Amino acid sequence: MGFLDDAKHNAAEAAKKVSDAVEDGVDKAKDKIDEFKAEADVKRAEAERDAVKARNDVKDELRDNE
């Protein structure tokens, strides 16, 4: 019975290692997704800032010409 017990133990350890590796992969993927979302938020905020600045510049120019 020792051989079967060893085989069961080794199979359980291998399954645990695979599970841990998959979990790590999922965590890394989620971290990368969060990073891309943050980058997109920054770019959106920068574009909004630039649009507001351009709009304000146009308004200032129109006021100066009146």
Protein backbone atom coordinates (compact mmCIF):
# COMPACT_ATOMS: atom_id res chain seq x y z
CA MET A 1 0.00 0.00 0.00
CA GLY A 2 2.96 2.34 0.45
CA PHE A 3 3.41 2.70 -3.29
CA LEU A 4 -0.23 3.75 -3.81
CA ASP A 5 -0.08 6.16 -0.90
CA ASP A 6 3.06 7.74 -2.34
CA ALA A 7 1.43 8.01 -5.76
CA LYS A 8 -1.67 9.66 -4.25
CA HIS A 9 0.51 12.05 -2.27
CA ASN A 10 2.60 12.95 -5.35
CA ALA A 11 -0.53 13.46 -7.45
CA ALA A 12 -2.01 15.72 -4.77
CA GLU A 13 1.20 17.76 -4.60
CA ALA A 14 1.33 18.09 -8.38
CA ALA A 15 -2.30 19.21 -8.48
CA LYS A 16 -1.59 21.80 -5.78
CA LYS A 17 1.40 23.15 -7.72
CA VAL A 18 -0.65 23.39 -10.90
CA SER A 19 -3.43 25.14 -9.00
CA ASP A 20 -0.96 27.64 -7.53
CA ALA A 21 0.56 28.29 -10.96
CA VAL A 22 -2.86 28.91 -12.49
CA GLU A 23 -3.79 31.23 -9.62
CA ASP A 24 -0.57 33.20 -10.12
CA GLY A 25 -1.27 33.48 -13.83
CA VAL A 26 -4.78 34.74 -13.20
CA ASP A 27 -3.52 37.28 -10.66
CA LYS A 28 -0.90 38.55 -13.10
CA ALA A 29 -3.51 38.86 -15.84
CA LYS A 30 -5.84 40.80 -13.53
CA ASP A 31 -2.97 43.10 -12.53
CA LYS A 32 -2.17 43.76 -16.19
CA ILE A 33 -5.84 44.53 -16.92
CA ASP A 34 -5.91 46.97 -13.99
CA GLU A 35 -2.75 48.60 -15.32
CA PHE A 36 -4.29 49.05 -18.79
CA LYS A 37 -7.48 50.49 -17.26
CA ALA A 38 -5.44 52.98 -15.25
CA GLU A 39 -3.49 54.01 -18.34
CA ALA A 40 -6.76 54.50 -20.23
CA ASP A 41 -8.14 56.63 -17.39
CA VAL A 42 -5.04 58.80 -17.44
CA LYS A 43 -5.22 59.26 -21.20
CA ARG A 44 -8.92 60.11 -20.97
CA ALA A 45 -8.24 62.68 -18.25
CA GLU A 46 -5.40 64.21 -20.24
CA ALA A 47 -7.60 64.45 -23.33
CA GLU A 48 -10.37 66.08 -21.30
CA ARG A 49 -7.87 68.55 -19.83
CA ASP A 50 -6.59 69.42 -23.29
CA ALA A 51 -10.15 69.88 -24.60
CA VAL A 52 -11.06 72.18 -21.73
CA LYS A 53 -7.88 74.20 -22.25
CA ALA A 54 -8.59 74.52 -25.98
CA ARG A 55 -12.17 75.58 -25.30
CA ASN A 56 -11.02 78.16 -22.76
CA ASP A 57 -8.39 79.48 -25.17
CA VAL A 58 -11.05 79.96 -27.84
CA LYS A 59 -13.32 81.74 -25.36
CA ASP A 60 -10.47 84.01 -24.29
CA GLU A 61 -9.66 84.80 -27.89
CA LEU A 62 -13.29 85.65 -28.62
CA ARG A 63 -13.44 87.91 -25.58
CA ASP A 64 -10.29 89.70 -26.65
CA ASN A 65 -11.69 90.35 -30.13
CA GLU A 66 -14.93 91.91 -28.85
